[in-house]
Amino acid sequence: MEAEAAKYIGAGLAVIALAGVGVGIGNIFSSLVSSIARNPAARGEVFGIGILGFALTEAIALFALLISFLLLFAV
C-alpha cells in the first residue's frame, strides 16, 4: 500500500468519531429540552450543566479533526 493511501485511510478512520459526537450532542440537547420542559424552575441549574456537556463533547470532535488533519498534512 502506498503511503499516501494509508494517510487517507487513517484520516478517514479518525473522522469516524465525529458521528458519535453528533449523536452525543443530540442526546445532550434532547435531555436538556426535556428536563426544562418538565421543570422550568430548574432551568438555571440544568442549562449550565448542559452547556458544559456540549463543550466537552465538542472537544472530542475537535481532537478527532485535529488528528485527521495531522495525518493528512504533517505526516
N, C-alpha and C. Protein backbone atom coordinates (compact mmCIF):
# COMPACT_ATOMS: atom_id res chain seq x y z
N MET A 1 0.85 -1.18 0.00
CA MET A 1 0.00 0.00 0.00
C MET A 1 0.90 1.24 0.00
N GLU A 2 0.51 2.19 -0.76
CA GLU A 2 1.27 3.42 -0.81
C GLU A 2 1.05 4.24 0.46
N ALA A 3 2.03 5.07 0.78
CA ALA A 3 1.94 5.89 2.00
C ALA A 3 0.82 6.91 1.90
N GLU A 4 0.58 7.43 0.71
CA GLU A 4 -0.49 8.42 0.52
C GLU A 4 -1.87 7.80 0.79
N ALA A 5 -2.06 6.58 0.34
CA ALA A 5 -3.33 5.89 0.57
C ALA A 5 -3.52 5.59 2.05
N ALA A 6 -2.44 5.21 2.73
CA ALA A 6 -2.52 4.93 4.16
C ALA A 6 -2.88 6.19 4.95
N LYS A 7 -2.37 7.34 4.51
CA LYS A 7 -2.71 8.60 5.17
C LYS A 7 -4.20 8.89 5.05
N TYR A 8 -4.75 8.67 3.85
CA TYR A 8 -6.17 8.93 3.65
C TYR A 8 -7.05 7.97 4.44
N ILE A 9 -6.65 6.72 4.51
CA ILE A 9 -7.41 5.74 5.28
C ILE A 9 -7.36 6.08 6.77
N GLY A 10 -6.19 6.46 7.27
CA GLY A 10 -6.07 6.83 8.67
C GLY A 10 -6.88 8.07 9.01
N ALA A 11 -6.88 9.06 8.12
CA ALA A 11 -7.66 10.27 8.36
C ALA A 11 -9.15 9.96 8.35
N GLY A 12 -9.56 9.08 7.46
CA GLY A 12 -10.98 8.69 7.42
C GLY A 12 -11.40 7.96 8.68
N LEU A 13 -10.53 7.11 9.18
CA LEU A 13 -10.85 6.40 10.42
C LEU A 13 -10.90 7.35 11.62
N ALA A 14 -10.06 8.37 11.61
CA ALA A 14 -10.07 9.34 12.71
C ALA A 14 -11.35 10.17 12.71
N VAL A 15 -11.92 10.38 11.53
CA VAL A 15 -13.11 11.23 11.42
C VAL A 15 -14.39 10.45 11.79
N ILE A 16 -14.31 9.15 11.91
CA ILE A 16 -15.47 8.36 12.30
C ILE A 16 -16.00 8.81 13.67
N ALA A 17 -15.12 9.31 14.51
CA ALA A 17 -15.53 9.78 15.84
C ALA A 17 -16.54 10.92 15.75
N LEU A 18 -16.56 11.65 14.64
CA LEU A 18 -17.49 12.77 14.51
C LEU A 18 -18.94 12.30 14.47
N ALA A 19 -19.19 11.10 13.99
CA ALA A 19 -20.56 10.57 14.00
C ALA A 19 -21.04 10.36 15.43
N GLY A 20 -20.18 9.82 16.27
CA GLY A 20 -20.53 9.64 17.68
C GLY A 20 -20.73 10.95 18.40
N VAL A 21 -19.95 11.94 18.02
CA VAL A 21 -20.10 13.27 18.63
C VAL A 21 -21.45 13.87 18.26
N GLY A 22 -21.86 13.70 17.02
CA GLY A 22 -23.16 14.21 16.61
C GLY A 22 -24.30 13.57 17.39
N VAL A 23 -24.22 12.28 17.60
CA VAL A 23 -25.24 11.58 18.38
C VAL A 23 -25.20 12.06 19.83
N GLY A 24 -24.01 12.24 20.38
CA GLY A 24 -23.88 12.69 21.76
C GLY A 24 -24.45 14.08 21.98
N ILE A 25 -24.18 14.99 21.06
CA ILE A 25 -24.72 16.34 21.18
C ILE A 25 -26.23 16.33 21.07
N GLY A 26 -26.75 15.51 20.18
CA GLY A 26 -28.21 15.38 20.07
C GLY A 26 -28.83 14.87 21.35
N ASN A 27 -28.20 13.89 21.98
CA ASN A 27 -28.71 13.37 23.24
C ASN A 27 -28.65 14.41 24.36
N ILE A 28 -27.58 15.17 24.39
CA ILE A 28 -27.44 16.19 25.43
C ILE A 28 -28.55 17.22 25.32
N PHE A 29 -28.77 17.74 24.12
CA PHE A 29 -29.76 18.80 23.98
C PHE A 29 -31.19 18.27 24.07
N SER A 30 -31.43 17.02 23.66
CA SER A 30 -32.78 16.48 23.83
C SER A 30 -33.09 16.29 25.32
N SER A 31 -32.11 15.86 26.08
CA SER A 31 -32.30 15.73 27.52
C SER A 31 -32.46 17.09 28.19
N LEU A 32 -31.72 18.08 27.70
CA LEU A 32 -31.82 19.44 28.25
C LEU A 32 -33.21 20.02 28.01
N VAL A 33 -33.71 19.90 26.79
CA VAL A 33 -35.04 20.42 26.48
C VAL A 33 -36.11 19.67 27.27
N SER A 34 -35.96 18.37 27.38
CA SER A 34 -36.93 17.57 28.13
C SER A 34 -36.95 17.94 29.61
N SER A 35 -35.78 18.13 30.19
CA SER A 35 -35.74 18.47 31.62
C SER A 35 -36.27 19.88 31.88
N ILE A 36 -36.01 20.81 30.97
CA ILE A 36 -36.54 22.16 31.15
C ILE A 36 -38.05 22.17 30.96
N ALA A 37 -38.55 21.32 30.05
CA ALA A 37 -39.99 21.25 29.84
C ALA A 37 -40.69 20.64 31.05
N ARG A 38 -40.04 19.71 31.72
CA ARG A 38 -40.65 19.10 32.90
C ARG A 38 -40.62 20.01 34.12
N ASN A 39 -39.51 20.76 34.27
CA ASN A 39 -39.37 21.61 35.44
C ASN A 39 -38.71 22.93 35.01
N PRO A 40 -39.53 23.91 34.59
CA PRO A 40 -38.96 25.17 34.12
C PRO A 40 -38.21 25.95 35.21
N ALA A 41 -38.51 25.71 36.46
CA ALA A 41 -37.84 26.43 37.54
C ALA A 41 -36.38 26.03 37.68
N ALA A 42 -36.02 24.86 37.20
CA ALA A 42 -34.64 24.38 37.33
C ALA A 42 -33.80 24.74 36.12
N ARG A 43 -34.27 25.64 35.29
CA ARG A 43 -33.56 25.99 34.06
C ARG A 43 -32.16 26.52 34.34
N GLY A 44 -32.00 27.34 35.33
CA GLY A 44 -30.69 27.93 35.64
C GLY A 44 -29.65 26.90 35.99
N GLU A 45 -30.03 25.87 36.74
CA GLU A 45 -29.09 24.83 37.13
C GLU A 45 -28.79 23.87 35.98
N VAL A 46 -29.82 23.50 35.26
CA VAL A 46 -29.68 22.48 34.23
C VAL A 46 -28.98 23.04 32.98
N PHE A 47 -29.21 24.29 32.67
CA PHE A 47 -28.65 24.86 31.45
C PHE A 47 -27.12 24.90 31.49
N GLY A 48 -26.56 25.27 32.61
CA GLY A 48 -25.10 25.30 32.73
C GLY A 48 -24.47 23.93 32.57
N ILE A 49 -25.10 22.92 33.15
CA ILE A 49 -24.59 21.56 33.04
C ILE A 49 -24.71 21.08 31.59
N GLY A 50 -25.80 21.44 30.92
CA GLY A 50 -25.98 21.05 29.51
C GLY A 50 -24.94 21.69 28.61
N ILE A 51 -24.64 22.95 28.84
CA ILE A 51 -23.63 23.62 28.03
C ILE A 51 -22.24 23.05 28.31
N LEU A 52 -21.96 22.69 29.55
CA LEU A 52 -20.69 22.04 29.87
C LEU A 52 -20.57 20.70 29.15
N GLY A 53 -21.64 19.93 29.16
CA GLY A 53 -21.64 18.65 28.43
C GLY A 53 -21.43 18.85 26.95
N PHE A 54 -22.07 19.89 26.39
CA PHE A 54 -21.88 20.20 24.98
C PHE A 54 -20.43 20.55 24.68
N ALA A 55 -19.82 21.37 25.53
CA ALA A 55 -18.44 21.80 25.29
C ALA A 55 -17.48 20.61 25.37
N LEU A 56 -17.68 19.73 26.32
CA LEU A 56 -16.80 18.58 26.45
C LEU A 56 -16.97 17.61 25.29
N THR A 57 -18.20 17.45 24.82
CA THR A 57 -18.44 16.58 23.69
C THR A 57 -17.87 17.18 22.41
N GLU A 58 -18.01 18.47 22.25
CA GLU A 58 -17.47 19.15 21.08
C GLU A 58 -15.94 19.11 21.09
N ALA A 59 -15.33 19.07 22.26
CA ALA A 59 -13.87 18.98 22.34
C ALA A 59 -13.38 17.66 21.74
N ILE A 60 -14.14 16.60 21.94
CA ILE A 60 -13.78 15.32 21.34
C ILE A 60 -13.79 15.42 19.82
N ALA A 61 -14.77 16.14 19.27
CA ALA A 61 -14.83 16.33 17.82
C ALA A 61 -13.63 17.11 17.32
N LEU A 62 -13.24 18.13 18.05
CA LEU A 62 -12.09 18.91 17.64
C LEU A 62 -10.79 18.11 17.70
N PHE A 63 -10.67 17.25 18.72
CA PHE A 63 -9.49 16.39 18.81
C PHE A 63 -9.45 15.42 17.63
N ALA A 64 -10.58 14.82 17.29
CA ALA A 64 -10.62 13.88 16.17
C ALA A 64 -10.29 14.59 14.86
N LEU A 65 -10.80 15.78 14.68
CA LEU A 65 -10.50 16.55 13.47
C LEU A 65 -9.02 16.94 13.42
N LEU A 66 -8.47 17.29 14.57
CA LEU A 66 -7.05 17.63 14.64
C LEU A 66 -6.18 16.43 14.27
N ILE A 67 -6.53 15.27 14.76
CA ILE A 67 -5.76 14.06 14.44
C ILE A 67 -5.83 13.76 12.95
N SER A 68 -7.01 13.92 12.36
CA SER A 68 -7.13 13.64 10.92
C SER A 68 -6.32 14.65 10.11
N PHE A 69 -6.32 15.93 10.50
CA PHE A 69 -5.51 16.91 9.79
C PHE A 69 -4.02 16.65 9.97
N LEU A 70 -3.63 16.22 11.16
CA LEU A 70 -2.23 15.88 11.37
C LEU A 70 -1.80 14.71 10.49
N LEU A 71 -2.68 13.73 10.36
CA LEU A 71 -2.35 12.58 9.50
C LEU A 71 -2.26 13.02 8.04
N LEU A 72 -3.11 13.93 7.63
CA LEU A 72 -3.11 14.34 6.23
C LEU A 72 -1.94 15.26 5.88
N PHE A 73 -1.65 16.22 6.72
CA PHE A 73 -0.75 17.28 6.32
C PHE A 73 0.62 17.28 7.02
N ALA A 74 0.76 16.60 8.13
CA ALA A 74 2.02 16.65 8.87
C ALA A 74 2.85 15.39 8.71
N VAL A 75 2.22 14.31 8.39
CA VAL A 75 2.95 13.03 8.28
C VAL A 75 3.35 12.78 6.86
